[in-house]
Amino acid sequence: VVVASRPQGGARAARLGVQGGRGVGGGERGGASAGGGAGGTRPRAAMVSVELDAGLIIMCIIVPFILLATNFIGIVHFIHPDDAAGAKFPKVVVLIGMVFAECAVLLLPLDVGNRGGLVGCGYWNNECGGLDMDIVWQIVYVAIAGLVVIVLPYTIFYYEADERDAKQKERIWWTALKYLLITVVVSVTALVILYALLRQTYIPVKYMTVGTNWRHTWFPVDDVPNLNRACGGGCTTTDHVLKMDVTFVIFLAGLLAFLGWFLFVIYASIGFIALPMDFFNAFIHRRKLLSHSAVVAYQKALQGRAEQLIAMSDALKEEWADYNSVRHSPVDRRKQRKIHEVQLNKLRVLVDTLEGEAEDLRMSSPAEFKNNNILVPWMKLLAGIITTILTLAWLTHIVIYMLLDETPFINDYLIWFDGWFPLFGTLTVGVFAIYLLLAVIKGNFKFGSRFFLIKIHPMVPHKTFVNSMIFNLMLVLLCVLPVVQFASNAFRDYARLTSVDVIFGSTIKHMEGFRYFFENDIFLYSFLGLTFLALVYFVWSPSEKKRLQKETAAHRDALASSRDAALKQRQRQRK
């Protein structure tokens, strides 16, 4: 008997997958064979009828409609009045893209509930959910790739062309299509080359060879054994590496996940700290009733800052015009353009913050204070407590389970619930996975508002343009697969009988070109390091308002000195 098993080591004892009968053993029956884990094959056994789980079918039908309704309400709530009537095609794309992103994350708990990896599912075992999650996951991978490479770029080009060619509507689709063709050609060419070079995966397996005269007590496969019990001391074990080519779809998923991990590590680590801290700060700095004299004094202060921002804007415009009036080398021009974009991003953040303070001041006046909902600050306090618990639970689980492998931690909690209330364990996985996605979104906003290296696209009620929604959707879709991979690895003991565990935990983890990062936990260590740095930074500078007030004065002085230096340089060049 030759049995292949994927090693797990430490607290995660090796799981033995067997697909040849109801048990593992010997007796008088020699010469039998069974395959499991990475190197197993389906036995030649008669298929049995697997009844589809009614609860899973209902969830698959109802949840997408709930997400459609929720996302539609969110778009209506955030959309800018200028885009409310037009831009129908981009808004439909945003709606569909958000549903795909959310469904991709929620497929993990659905996969757990389906248990499609149960031994003998579809053959002698009819206790699994009956959904072919392998096909579902591959459809999701292709859909996400199509949205990121084709649909969203075309939507951005279409939206921008709509603004430029407002008087020539018939040319909008053609303008967008030209840019899209260039993007697709470059992307497909790079993808084909990478697939030809990196399509192999190297899966570590254990081969256990058992003699034909081996006798051992039979035991059910549902009782997860370890290697020693399975062999009973009558077999020899050797380590091997199973080299095989992955399909194009799996490679596409692995490539998207690998690229998305770089964004996920940066944004999720910041979001883990920023989410609870922002909720607590919102409660601490909640709107309070101000006297008339305090409102007038605050208005004067805001008016002074508004005048400073106007002067900064004029100086920035004048500085850029002066720079363009003189010839420069391409290298110097690119460098100066980057500096100019950083200054513009900083100015946008300062303006948005000032507008928010003006709105808070208006709602804190005696005439408007009664219109505030007094429950909102307390709901934010509750949200801060919940997000703090989730952040601490995630960080603890990463350290003691995913890195040190000391205890299953949350996996034990989920498995315990699975014994008497499986739905709660499945919902818990969904909550933890969705929290990762929320941390990514929050980290993106926070990174842009603190470091100004990229243009931020904040989601402000009734002030968000469609292009900002598309940009944020692009970010979310790029980080969806890292979120799924992260969550499936974190709950691997609980999700050991799932299709996603086979795809990410066995195949993609050991793919050529990616396995150095995944096998050595490079992303996990980077994630913890950046989370610690984010904690130190936000403790040192927790207040956004005070920091940006100082930033306004510093930015004004920097622009003044930069303008003087540019004037002197221009005078020297003219001489």
Protein backbone atom coordinates (compact mmCIF):
# COMPACT_ATOMS: atom_id res chain seq x y z
CA VAL A 1 0.00 0.00 0.00
CA VAL A 2 1.42 3.39 -0.97
CA VAL A 3 -0.13 6.45 0.66
CA ALA A 4 0.83 10.07 -0.04
CA SER A 5 0.19 12.70 2.61
CA ARG A 6 0.94 16.40 2.73
CA PRO A 7 3.06 17.11 5.87
CA GLN A 8 1.74 19.60 8.38
CA GLY A 9 4.15 19.40 11.35
CA GLY A 10 3.88 20.81 14.87
CA ALA A 11 0.45 21.27 16.39
CA ARG A 12 -1.05 20.68 12.95
CA ALA A 13 -0.46 16.91 12.95
CA ALA A 14 -0.17 15.31 9.57
CA ARG A 15 -3.52 14.55 8.02
CA LEU A 16 -3.79 11.32 6.13
CA GLY A 17 -6.14 11.50 3.16
CA VAL A 18 -7.35 8.17 1.88
CA GLN A 19 -9.67 7.63 -1.06
CA GLY A 20 -9.96 3.87 -1.43
CA GLY A 21 -12.49 2.59 1.09
CA ARG A 22 -14.15 3.28 4.41
CA GLY A 23 -10.98 2.69 6.35
CA VAL A 24 -7.23 2.33 6.31
CA GLY A 25 -5.72 -0.99 7.20
CA GLY A 26 -4.48 -4.30 6.01
CA GLY A 27 -5.72 -7.66 7.19
CA GLU A 28 -5.43 -10.39 4.60
CA ARG A 29 -6.06 -8.04 1.70
CA GLY A 30 -2.70 -7.36 0.12
CA GLY A 31 -1.82 -5.44 -2.97
CA ALA A 32 -4.42 -2.68 -2.48
CA SER A 33 -3.51 0.92 -3.15
CA ALA A 34 -4.79 4.26 -1.98
CA GLY A 35 -3.82 7.82 -2.79
CA GLY A 36 -4.38 10.93 -0.74
CA GLY A 37 -3.20 14.45 -0.11
CA ALA A 38 -1.35 16.05 -2.98
CA GLY A 39 -0.55 12.90 -4.89
CA GLY A 40 -3.86 11.05 -4.55
CA THR A 41 -6.12 9.99 -7.38
CA ARG A 42 -9.78 9.22 -7.54
CA PRO A 43 -10.58 5.53 -7.03
CA ARG A 44 -12.46 3.63 -9.67
CA ALA A 45 -15.61 3.43 -7.64
CA ALA A 46 -19.23 3.89 -8.52
CA MET A 47 -20.51 7.44 -8.16
CA VAL A 48 -23.22 8.00 -5.58
CA SER A 49 -25.94 10.58 -5.62
CA VAL A 50 -24.97 13.57 -3.48
CA GLU A 51 -27.91 15.64 -2.34
CA LEU A 52 -27.34 19.37 -2.53
CA ASP A 53 -27.61 21.03 0.86
CA ALA A 54 -30.79 23.12 0.87
CA GLY A 55 -29.26 25.70 3.22
CA LEU A 56 -26.27 26.23 0.94
CA ILE A 57 -28.53 26.62 -2.10
CA ILE A 58 -30.66 29.20 -0.29
CA MET A 59 -27.54 31.14 0.76
CA CYS A 60 -26.21 31.10 -2.81
CA ILE A 61 -29.47 32.60 -4.06
CA ILE A 62 -30.28 35.10 -1.30
CA VAL A 63 -26.85 36.51 -0.41
CA PRO A 64 -26.06 37.98 -3.89
CA PHE A 65 -29.40 39.81 -3.92
CA ILE A 66 -28.75 41.18 -0.43
CA LEU A 67 -25.30 42.36 -1.54
CA LEU A 68 -26.75 43.95 -4.69
CA ALA A 69 -29.29 45.89 -2.66
CA THR A 70 -26.73 46.94 -0.05
CA ASN A 71 -24.18 48.11 -2.60
CA PHE A 72 -26.83 49.98 -4.59
CA ILE A 73 -27.85 51.88 -1.46
CA GLY A 74 -24.18 52.60 -0.76
CA ILE A 75 -23.61 54.00 -4.26
CA VAL A 76 -26.67 56.25 -3.95
CA HIS A 77 -25.44 57.42 -0.54
CA PHE A 78 -21.91 58.29 -1.67
CA ILE A 79 -22.38 59.45 -5.28
CA HIS A 80 -21.73 63.10 -6.12
CA PRO A 81 -24.76 65.01 -7.48
CA ASP A 82 -22.86 65.72 -10.72
CA ASP A 83 -22.63 61.96 -11.39
CA ALA A 84 -26.05 61.04 -10.01
CA ALA A 85 -27.89 61.35 -13.33
CA GLY A 86 -25.13 60.34 -15.76
CA ALA A 87 -22.26 57.82 -15.80
CA LYS A 88 -24.69 54.89 -15.81
CA PHE A 89 -22.27 52.35 -17.28
CA PRO A 90 -19.47 53.05 -14.74
CA LYS A 91 -21.95 52.84 -11.86
CA VAL A 92 -23.21 49.45 -13.06
CA VAL A 93 -19.61 48.22 -13.26
CA VAL A 94 -18.93 49.42 -9.70
CA LEU A 95 -22.07 47.68 -8.46
CA ILE A 96 -21.20 44.35 -10.11
CA GLY A 97 -17.54 44.58 -9.11
CA MET A 98 -18.35 45.14 -5.43
CA VAL A 99 -20.70 42.17 -5.43
CA PHE A 100 -17.97 39.99 -6.98
CA ALA A 101 -15.42 41.13 -4.39
CA GLU A 102 -17.73 40.46 -1.47
CA CYS A 103 -18.89 37.10 -2.87
CA ALA A 104 -15.26 36.03 -3.39
CA VAL A 105 -14.54 36.60 0.31
CA LEU A 106 -17.80 34.96 1.41
CA LEU A 107 -17.06 31.90 -0.74
CA LEU A 108 -14.58 30.83 1.95
CA PRO A 109 -17.25 30.19 4.62
CA LEU A 110 -19.45 28.67 1.89
CA ASP A 111 -16.61 26.30 0.99
CA VAL A 112 -16.24 25.39 4.66
CA GLY A 113 -19.95 24.67 4.93
CA ASN A 114 -19.90 22.61 1.74
CA ARG A 115 -17.06 20.30 2.89
CA GLY A 116 -16.36 19.28 -0.69
CA GLY A 117 -13.01 17.84 0.40
CA LEU A 118 -14.53 15.06 2.49
CA VAL A 119 -12.96 11.73 1.62
CA GLY A 120 -15.05 9.95 -0.99
CA CYS A 121 -17.31 12.93 -1.70
CA GLY A 122 -19.40 11.97 -4.71
CA TYR A 123 -18.36 8.30 -4.51
CA TRP A 124 -19.31 6.45 -1.33
CA ASN A 125 -19.71 9.55 0.84
CA ASN A 126 -22.86 11.63 0.43
CA GLU A 127 -22.41 13.73 3.57
CA CYS A 128 -20.77 16.68 1.79
CA GLY A 129 -22.71 19.71 0.56
CA GLY A 130 -22.72 18.69 -3.09
CA LEU A 131 -21.50 21.98 -4.60
CA ASP A 132 -18.52 21.76 -6.97
CA MET A 133 -16.49 24.54 -5.35
CA ASP A 134 -13.48 23.89 -7.60
CA ILE A 135 -15.46 25.18 -10.58
CA VAL A 136 -16.92 28.05 -8.54
CA TRP A 137 -13.49 29.23 -7.39
CA GLN A 138 -12.07 29.09 -10.91
CA ILE A 139 -15.01 31.12 -12.25
CA VAL A 140 -14.33 33.73 -9.58
CA TYR A 141 -10.61 33.87 -10.45
CA VAL A 142 -11.35 34.45 -14.14
CA ALA A 143 -14.02 37.05 -13.32
CA ILE A 144 -11.70 39.02 -11.03
CA ALA A 145 -8.92 38.93 -13.64
CA GLY A 146 -11.35 40.12 -16.32
CA LEU A 147 -12.55 42.97 -14.11
CA VAL A 148 -9.02 44.10 -13.21
CA VAL A 149 -7.46 43.78 -16.67
CA ILE A 150 -10.36 44.57 -19.02
CA VAL A 151 -13.57 45.93 -17.52
CA LEU A 152 -12.27 48.45 -14.97
CA PRO A 153 -9.55 49.95 -17.23
CA TYR A 154 -12.13 50.34 -19.99
CA THR A 155 -14.52 51.97 -17.51
CA ILE A 156 -11.85 54.43 -16.37
CA PHE A 157 -10.94 55.30 -19.97
CA TYR A 158 -14.65 55.64 -20.81
CA TYR A 159 -15.28 57.93 -17.84
CA GLU A 160 -12.26 60.11 -18.62
CA ALA A 161 -13.18 60.25 -22.31
CA ASP A 162 -16.70 61.25 -21.33
CA GLU A 163 -15.27 64.28 -19.55
CA ARG A 164 -12.89 65.23 -22.38
CA ASP A 165 -15.24 64.57 -25.33
CA ALA A 166 -18.48 65.87 -23.89
CA LYS A 167 -19.46 67.30 -27.29
CA GLN A 168 -18.57 64.15 -29.23
CA LYS A 169 -20.45 61.35 -27.48
CA GLU A 170 -20.13 58.97 -30.41
CA ARG A 171 -16.31 58.88 -30.00
CA ILE A 172 -16.27 58.01 -26.30
CA TRP A 173 -16.42 54.24 -26.75
CA TRP A 174 -13.72 54.34 -29.45
CA THR A 175 -11.37 56.46 -27.36
CA ALA A 176 -11.77 54.10 -24.41
CA LEU A 177 -11.36 51.04 -26.65
CA LYS A 178 -8.01 52.22 -28.03
CA TYR A 179 -6.50 52.57 -24.58
CA LEU A 180 -8.03 49.26 -23.53
CA LEU A 181 -6.48 47.38 -26.47
CA ILE A 182 -3.02 48.60 -25.50
CA THR A 183 -3.59 47.52 -21.89
CA VAL A 184 -4.88 44.08 -22.87
CA VAL A 185 -2.06 43.39 -25.35
CA VAL A 186 0.61 44.25 -22.78
CA SER A 187 -1.11 42.29 -19.99
CA VAL A 188 -1.77 39.16 -22.05
CA THR A 189 1.77 39.11 -23.46
CA ALA A 190 3.29 39.37 -19.99
CA LEU A 191 0.89 36.73 -18.67
CA VAL A 192 1.72 34.20 -21.39
CA ILE A 193 5.47 34.66 -20.90
CA LEU A 194 5.18 34.26 -17.13
CA TYR A 195 3.00 31.17 -17.47
CA ALA A 196 5.55 29.55 -19.77
CA LEU A 197 8.32 30.19 -17.22
CA LEU A 198 6.56 29.76 -13.84
CA ARG A 199 3.79 27.20 -14.33
CA GLN A 200 5.38 24.46 -12.22
CA THR A 201 4.50 23.76 -8.61
CA TYR A 202 6.57 21.65 -6.20
CA ILE A 203 4.33 20.05 -3.57
CA PRO A 204 6.07 18.27 -0.64
CA VAL A 205 4.57 14.85 0.08
CA LYS A 206 5.32 11.82 2.26
CA TYR A 207 5.31 8.34 0.75
CA MET A 208 4.52 5.49 3.13
CA THR A 209 5.26 2.02 1.80
CA VAL A 210 3.47 -0.86 3.54
CA GLY A 211 4.11 -4.58 3.03
CA THR A 212 1.37 -6.84 1.70
CA ASN A 213 1.37 -8.92 4.88
CA TRP A 214 0.75 -5.91 7.11
CA ARG A 215 -2.03 -6.41 9.65
CA HIS A 216 -3.69 -3.54 11.41
CA THR A 217 -7.00 -2.64 12.94
CA TRP A 218 -9.41 -0.86 10.63
CA PHE A 219 -10.63 2.58 11.66
CA PRO A 220 -12.98 5.08 9.99
CA VAL A 221 -11.44 7.82 7.86
CA ASP A 222 -13.53 10.45 9.65
CA ASP A 223 -11.30 9.87 12.69
CA VAL A 224 -8.31 11.90 11.47
CA PRO A 225 -5.25 9.73 12.21
CA ASN A 226 -1.60 10.56 12.38
CA LEU A 227 1.12 8.85 10.44
CA ASN A 228 2.25 6.58 13.27
CA ARG A 229 -1.21 5.23 13.94
CA ALA A 230 -1.89 4.74 10.23
CA CYS A 231 1.29 2.74 9.76
CA GLY A 232 1.24 0.92 13.05
CA GLY A 233 5.00 0.66 12.82
CA GLY A 234 4.75 -1.47 9.70
CA CYS A 235 5.70 1.02 7.00
CA THR A 236 8.61 3.11 5.81
CA THR A 237 8.20 6.85 5.19
CA THR A 238 10.19 8.95 2.73
CA ASP A 239 9.93 12.60 1.75
CA HIS A 240 9.36 13.49 -1.88
CA VAL A 241 8.47 16.54 -3.96
CA LEU A 242 5.65 16.23 -6.45
CA LYS A 243 6.44 18.40 -9.48
CA MET A 244 3.53 19.21 -11.75
CA ASP A 245 2.22 21.90 -14.10
CA VAL A 246 -0.72 23.97 -12.92
CA THR A 247 -3.57 25.00 -15.16
CA PHE A 248 -3.64 28.47 -16.65
CA VAL A 249 -6.55 29.51 -14.40
CA ILE A 250 -4.73 28.45 -11.23
CA PHE A 251 -1.58 30.26 -12.38
CA LEU A 252 -3.68 33.36 -13.04
CA ALA A 253 -5.08 33.17 -9.51
CA GLY A 254 -1.60 32.69 -8.06
CA LEU A 255 -0.19 35.65 -9.97
CA LEU A 256 -3.05 37.95 -8.94
CA ALA A 257 -2.71 36.83 -5.33
CA PHE A 258 1.07 37.34 -5.35
CA LEU A 259 0.80 40.86 -6.76
CA GLY A 260 -2.06 41.71 -4.42
CA TRP A 261 -0.06 40.60 -1.37
CA PHE A 262 2.23 43.64 -1.65
CA LEU A 263 -0.77 45.98 -1.40
CA PHE A 264 -2.44 43.82 1.23
CA VAL A 265 0.59 43.85 3.54
CA ILE A 266 0.85 47.65 3.44
CA TYR A 267 -2.81 48.59 3.64
CA ALA A 268 -4.12 45.83 5.93
CA SER A 269 -1.35 46.42 8.50
CA ILE A 270 -2.23 50.13 8.63
CA GLY A 271 -5.95 49.39 8.68
CA PHE A 272 -5.62 46.97 11.61
CA ILE A 273 -4.51 49.90 13.80
CA ALA A 274 -6.36 52.76 12.10
CA LEU A 275 -9.83 51.17 12.19
CA PRO A 276 -10.24 50.96 15.99
CA MET A 277 -8.29 54.17 16.65
CA ASP A 278 -10.43 56.21 14.24
CA PHE A 279 -13.62 54.92 15.85
CA PHE A 280 -12.34 55.87 19.30
CA ASN A 281 -11.17 59.29 18.06
CA ALA A 282 -14.57 59.89 16.45
CA PHE A 283 -16.22 59.23 19.81
CA ILE A 284 -13.75 61.38 21.75
CA HIS A 285 -14.04 64.30 19.29
CA ARG A 286 -17.79 63.91 18.74
CA ARG A 287 -19.90 66.97 18.04
CA LYS A 288 -20.71 68.97 21.14
CA LEU A 289 -23.00 71.93 21.63
CA LEU A 290 -21.08 75.20 21.28
CA SER A 291 -22.09 78.64 22.37
CA HIS A 292 -22.66 81.38 19.84
CA SER A 293 -19.40 83.11 20.74
CA ALA A 294 -17.45 79.84 20.41
CA VAL A 295 -18.99 79.24 16.98
CA VAL A 296 -18.00 82.73 15.82
CA ALA A 297 -14.43 82.28 17.07
CA TYR A 298 -14.14 78.89 15.39
CA GLN A 299 -15.53 80.35 12.15
CA LYS A 300 -12.85 83.01 12.14
CA ALA A 301 -10.16 80.38 12.66
CA LEU A 302 -11.54 78.30 9.80
CA GLN A 303 -11.74 81.36 7.59
CA GLY A 304 -8.08 82.11 8.25
CA ARG A 305 -7.10 78.55 7.34
CA ALA A 306 -9.27 78.72 4.20
CA GLU A 307 -7.45 81.86 3.10
CA GLN A 308 -4.13 80.11 3.70
CA LEU A 309 -5.23 77.18 1.55
CA ILE A 310 -6.33 79.52 -1.24
CA ALA A 311 -2.96 81.26 -1.13
CA MET A 312 -1.21 77.87 -1.17
CA SER A 313 -3.27 76.80 -4.18
CA ASP A 314 -2.43 79.98 -6.08
CA ALA A 315 1.26 79.65 -5.21
CA LEU A 316 1.30 76.02 -6.33
CA LYS A 317 -0.35 76.92 -9.63
CA GLU A 318 2.05 79.81 -10.20
CA GLU A 319 5.07 77.67 -9.33
CA TRP A 320 4.09 74.97 -11.83
CA ALA A 321 3.43 77.55 -14.55
CA ASP A 322 6.84 79.13 -13.96
CA TYR A 323 8.51 75.74 -14.13
CA ASN A 324 6.85 74.91 -17.45
CA SER A 325 7.92 78.24 -18.92
CA VAL A 326 11.54 77.00 -19.07
CA ARG A 327 12.88 73.93 -20.91
CA HIS A 328 13.96 71.00 -18.72
CA SER A 329 15.33 67.53 -19.28
CA PRO A 330 12.85 64.62 -19.24
CA VAL A 331 14.39 63.23 -16.05
CA ASP A 332 14.13 66.54 -14.25
CA ARG A 333 10.58 67.05 -15.51
CA ARG A 334 9.45 63.64 -14.20
CA LYS A 335 11.06 64.37 -10.85
CA GLN A 336 9.42 67.78 -10.58
CA ARG A 337 6.04 66.38 -11.67
CA LYS A 338 6.20 63.81 -8.86
CA ILE A 339 6.98 66.55 -6.33
CA HIS A 340 4.10 68.60 -7.70
CA GLU A 341 1.69 65.65 -7.40
CA VAL A 342 2.69 65.10 -3.77
CA GLN A 343 1.99 68.76 -3.02
CA LEU A 344 -1.37 68.52 -4.78
CA ASN A 345 -2.30 65.43 -2.77
CA LYS A 346 -1.38 67.21 0.42
CA LEU A 347 -3.49 70.21 -0.58
CA ARG A 348 -6.48 67.96 -1.34
CA VAL A 349 -6.25 66.35 2.09
CA LEU A 350 -6.06 69.76 3.79
CA VAL A 351 -9.10 71.02 1.86
CA ASP A 352 -11.14 67.90 2.63
CA THR A 353 -10.26 68.17 6.32
CA LEU A 354 -11.25 71.82 6.41
CA GLU A 355 -14.59 71.04 4.78
CA GLY A 356 -15.21 68.32 7.36
CA GLU A 357 -14.44 70.70 10.23
CA ALA A 358 -16.76 73.31 8.74
CA GLU A 359 -19.59 70.75 8.59
CA ASP A 360 -18.93 69.68 12.19
CA LEU A 361 -18.98 73.32 13.29
CA ARG A 362 -22.30 73.89 11.52
CA MET A 363 -23.86 70.87 13.21
CA SER A 364 -22.46 71.98 16.61
CA SER A 365 -24.16 75.39 16.50
CA PRO A 366 -27.20 75.98 18.72
CA ALA A 367 -29.50 76.07 15.68
CA GLU A 368 -28.41 72.71 14.22
CA PHE A 369 -27.22 70.66 17.18
CA LYS A 370 -30.68 69.18 17.78
CA ASN A 371 -30.52 67.52 14.33
CA ASN A 372 -27.60 65.29 15.34
CA ASN A 373 -28.28 61.62 16.02
CA ILE A 374 -27.08 61.05 19.59
CA LEU A 375 -26.71 57.30 18.98
CA VAL A 376 -24.05 57.66 16.28
CA PRO A 377 -21.12 58.47 18.63
CA TRP A 378 -22.00 55.54 20.88
CA MET A 379 -22.29 53.23 17.90
CA LYS A 380 -18.79 54.33 16.88
CA LEU A 381 -17.57 53.57 20.40
CA LEU A 382 -19.08 50.08 20.15
CA ALA A 383 -17.51 49.66 16.70
CA GLY A 384 -14.15 50.68 18.18
CA ILE A 385 -14.43 48.00 20.88
CA ILE A 386 -15.41 45.31 18.35
CA THR A 387 -12.64 46.22 15.88
CA THR A 388 -10.11 46.24 18.73
CA ILE A 389 -11.14 42.70 19.68
CA LEU A 390 -10.91 41.56 16.06
CA THR A 391 -7.48 43.16 15.59
CA LEU A 392 -6.09 41.60 18.78
CA ALA A 393 -7.58 38.22 17.88
CA TRP A 394 -6.05 38.34 14.40
CA LEU A 395 -2.60 39.41 15.61
CA THR A 396 -2.56 36.78 18.35
CA HIS A 397 -3.65 34.09 15.91
CA ILE A 398 -0.98 35.10 13.39
CA VAL A 399 1.79 34.82 15.98
CA ILE A 400 0.86 31.68 17.94
CA TYR A 401 -0.63 29.65 15.08
CA MET A 402 0.53 30.83 11.67
CA LEU A 403 4.15 31.54 12.69
CA LEU A 404 4.97 29.68 15.92
CA ASP A 405 2.50 26.80 15.36
CA GLU A 406 1.92 26.41 19.10
CA THR A 407 -1.87 26.06 19.25
CA PRO A 408 -4.76 26.12 16.77
CA PHE A 409 -6.34 28.96 18.81
CA ILE A 410 -9.36 30.25 16.81
CA ASN A 411 -9.48 26.95 14.88
CA ASP A 412 -10.37 25.12 18.12
CA TYR A 413 -13.17 27.60 18.75
CA LEU A 414 -14.54 27.11 15.23
CA ILE A 415 -14.28 23.32 15.38
CA TRP A 416 -16.05 23.33 18.76
CA PHE A 417 -18.94 25.31 17.29
CA ASP A 418 -18.95 23.02 14.27
CA GLY A 419 -19.92 20.15 16.57
CA TRP A 420 -23.25 21.62 17.67
CA PHE A 421 -23.95 24.82 15.69
CA PRO A 422 -22.01 24.74 12.37
CA LEU A 423 -23.61 27.90 11.01
CA PHE A 424 -22.05 30.05 13.72
CA GLY A 425 -18.55 28.80 12.94
CA THR A 426 -19.10 29.47 9.24
CA LEU A 427 -20.36 32.99 9.94
CA THR A 428 -17.34 33.64 12.18
CA VAL A 429 -14.99 32.82 9.31
CA GLY A 430 -16.94 35.27 7.13
CA VAL A 431 -16.68 38.02 9.75
CA PHE A 432 -12.91 37.61 10.13
CA ALA A 433 -12.43 37.57 6.34
CA ILE A 434 -14.60 40.65 5.75
CA TYR A 435 -12.69 42.46 8.51
CA LEU A 436 -9.48 41.91 6.55
CA LEU A 437 -11.09 43.56 3.52
CA LEU A 438 -12.30 46.52 5.61
CA ALA A 439 -8.78 46.92 7.01
CA VAL A 440 -7.39 47.09 3.46
CA ILE A 441 -9.86 49.84 2.49
CA LYS A 442 -9.17 51.81 5.66
CA GLY A 443 -5.42 51.42 5.24
CA ASN A 444 -5.63 52.80 1.71
CA PHE A 445 -7.42 55.96 2.88
CA LYS A 446 -5.08 56.38 5.84
CA PHE A 447 -1.92 55.85 3.80
CA GLY A 448 -2.98 58.44 1.24
CA SER A 449 -4.00 61.01 3.86
CA ARG A 450 -0.82 60.64 5.91
CA PHE A 451 1.97 60.20 3.39
CA PHE A 452 0.59 61.92 0.23
CA LEU A 453 2.55 59.60 -2.11
CA ILE A 454 -0.59 58.61 -4.01
CA LYS A 455 -3.75 60.45 -4.89
CA ILE A 456 -6.42 59.59 -2.36
CA HIS A 457 -9.99 58.77 -3.30
CA PRO A 458 -11.98 59.17 -0.07
CA MET A 459 -15.55 57.93 0.10
CA VAL A 460 -17.48 60.96 1.36
CA PRO A 461 -21.30 60.86 1.43
CA HIS A 462 -22.77 62.73 -1.56
CA LYS A 463 -19.29 63.97 -2.58
CA THR A 464 -17.70 60.92 -4.24
CA PHE A 465 -17.20 60.84 -7.99
CA VAL A 466 -17.44 57.62 -9.96
CA ASN A 467 -13.71 57.57 -10.78
CA SER A 468 -12.96 57.42 -7.03
CA MET A 469 -15.32 54.47 -6.68
CA ILE A 470 -13.63 52.69 -9.60
CA PHE A 471 -10.16 53.28 -8.13
CA ASN A 472 -11.19 51.90 -4.73
CA LEU A 473 -12.90 48.94 -6.40
CA MET A 474 -9.69 48.17 -8.30
CA LEU A 475 -7.78 48.13 -5.02
CA VAL A 476 -10.36 45.89 -3.36
CA LEU A 477 -10.32 43.38 -6.23
CA LEU A 478 -6.51 43.22 -6.20
CA CYS A 479 -6.59 42.41 -2.48
CA VAL A 480 -9.48 39.92 -2.54
CA LEU A 481 -7.38 36.86 -3.37
CA PRO A 482 -4.70 37.67 -0.72
CA VAL A 483 -7.54 38.03 1.80
CA VAL A 484 -8.92 34.62 0.83
CA GLN A 485 -5.47 33.01 0.93
CA PHE A 486 -4.64 34.65 4.26
CA ALA A 487 -7.92 33.53 5.84
CA SER A 488 -7.71 29.98 4.44
CA ASN A 489 -4.19 29.59 5.86
CA ALA A 490 -5.24 31.08 9.19
CA PHE A 491 -8.17 28.65 9.56
CA ARG A 492 -6.50 25.70 7.92
CA ASP A 493 -7.39 23.18 10.62
CA TYR A 494 -11.03 24.22 10.39
CA ALA A 495 -11.04 24.50 6.58
CA ARG A 496 -8.95 21.40 5.86
CA LEU A 497 -11.74 19.78 3.85
CA THR A 498 -12.22 22.66 1.42
CA SER A 499 -11.32 23.25 -2.20
CA VAL A 500 -9.66 26.59 -1.41
CA ASP A 501 -7.23 24.86 0.96
CA VAL A 502 -6.09 22.58 -1.86
CA ILE A 503 -5.76 25.51 -4.29
CA PHE A 504 -3.96 27.99 -2.04
CA GLY A 505 -2.53 25.76 0.69
CA SER A 506 -1.00 23.15 -1.60
CA THR A 507 -0.78 24.35 -5.19
CA ILE A 508 -0.21 28.12 -5.23
CA LYS A 509 1.91 28.12 -2.06
CA HIS A 510 4.58 25.99 -3.76
CA MET A 511 4.49 27.51 -7.26
CA GLU A 512 7.71 28.45 -8.99
CA GLY A 513 8.59 32.11 -8.42
CA PHE A 514 6.11 32.56 -5.54
CA ARG A 515 7.04 29.79 -3.12
CA TYR A 516 10.04 31.59 -1.60
CA PHE A 517 7.68 34.25 -0.23
CA PHE A 518 4.93 31.85 0.86
CA GLU A 519 7.01 28.99 2.27
CA ASN A 520 9.21 31.34 4.32
CA ASP A 521 6.29 33.52 5.53
CA ILE A 522 7.92 36.67 4.14
CA PHE A 523 4.58 38.42 3.82
CA LEU A 524 3.49 37.47 7.35
CA TYR A 525 6.67 38.83 8.97
CA SER A 526 6.39 42.00 6.88
CA PHE A 527 2.76 42.34 7.90
CA LEU A 528 3.57 42.11 11.61
CA GLY A 529 6.49 44.54 11.26
CA LEU A 530 4.41 47.16 9.48
CA THR A 531 1.58 46.71 11.98
CA PHE A 532 3.98 47.47 14.83
CA LEU A 533 5.29 50.55 13.00
CA ALA A 534 1.71 51.71 12.35
CA LEU A 535 0.89 51.30 16.05
CA VAL A 536 3.90 53.41 17.07
CA TYR A 537 3.08 56.07 14.48
CA PHE A 538 -0.61 56.41 15.37
CA VAL A 539 0.13 56.48 19.11
CA TRP A 540 2.66 59.24 18.44
CA SER A 541 0.28 61.17 16.17
CA PRO A 542 -3.31 60.12 16.97
CA SER A 543 -5.12 63.38 16.19
CA GLU A 544 -5.74 64.02 12.51
CA LYS A 545 -7.06 67.52 13.09
CA LYS A 546 -4.09 68.94 15.02
CA ARG A 547 -1.61 67.29 12.70
CA LEU A 548 -3.23 68.74 9.59
CA GLN A 549 -3.41 72.22 11.16
CA LYS A 550 0.35 72.08 11.63
CA GLU A 551 0.65 70.65 8.14
CA THR A 552 -1.17 73.68 6.71
CA ALA A 553 1.29 76.13 8.23
CA ALA A 554 4.31 74.01 7.29
CA HIS A 555 3.07 73.51 3.73
CA ARG A 556 2.46 77.25 3.33
CA ASP A 557 5.98 78.09 4.51
CA ALA A 558 7.48 75.38 2.28
CA LEU A 559 5.66 76.73 -0.77
CA ALA A 560 6.78 80.27 0.00
CA SER A 561 10.43 79.23 0.26
CA SER A 562 10.11 77.02 -2.83
CA ARG A 563 8.61 79.90 -4.80
CA ASP A 564 11.44 82.22 -3.77
CA ALA A 565 14.04 79.62 -4.75
CA ALA A 566 12.32 79.04 -8.10
CA LEU A 567 12.24 82.80 -8.75
CA LYS A 568 15.95 83.11 -8.06
CA GLN A 569 16.74 80.12 -10.28
CA ARG A 570 14.63 81.54 -13.10
CA GLN A 571 16.44 84.86 -12.85
CA ARG A 572 19.82 83.10 -13.06
CA GLN A 573 18.69 81.08 -16.09
CA ARG A 574 17.50 84.23 -17.88
CA LYS A 575 20.84 85.92 -17.21
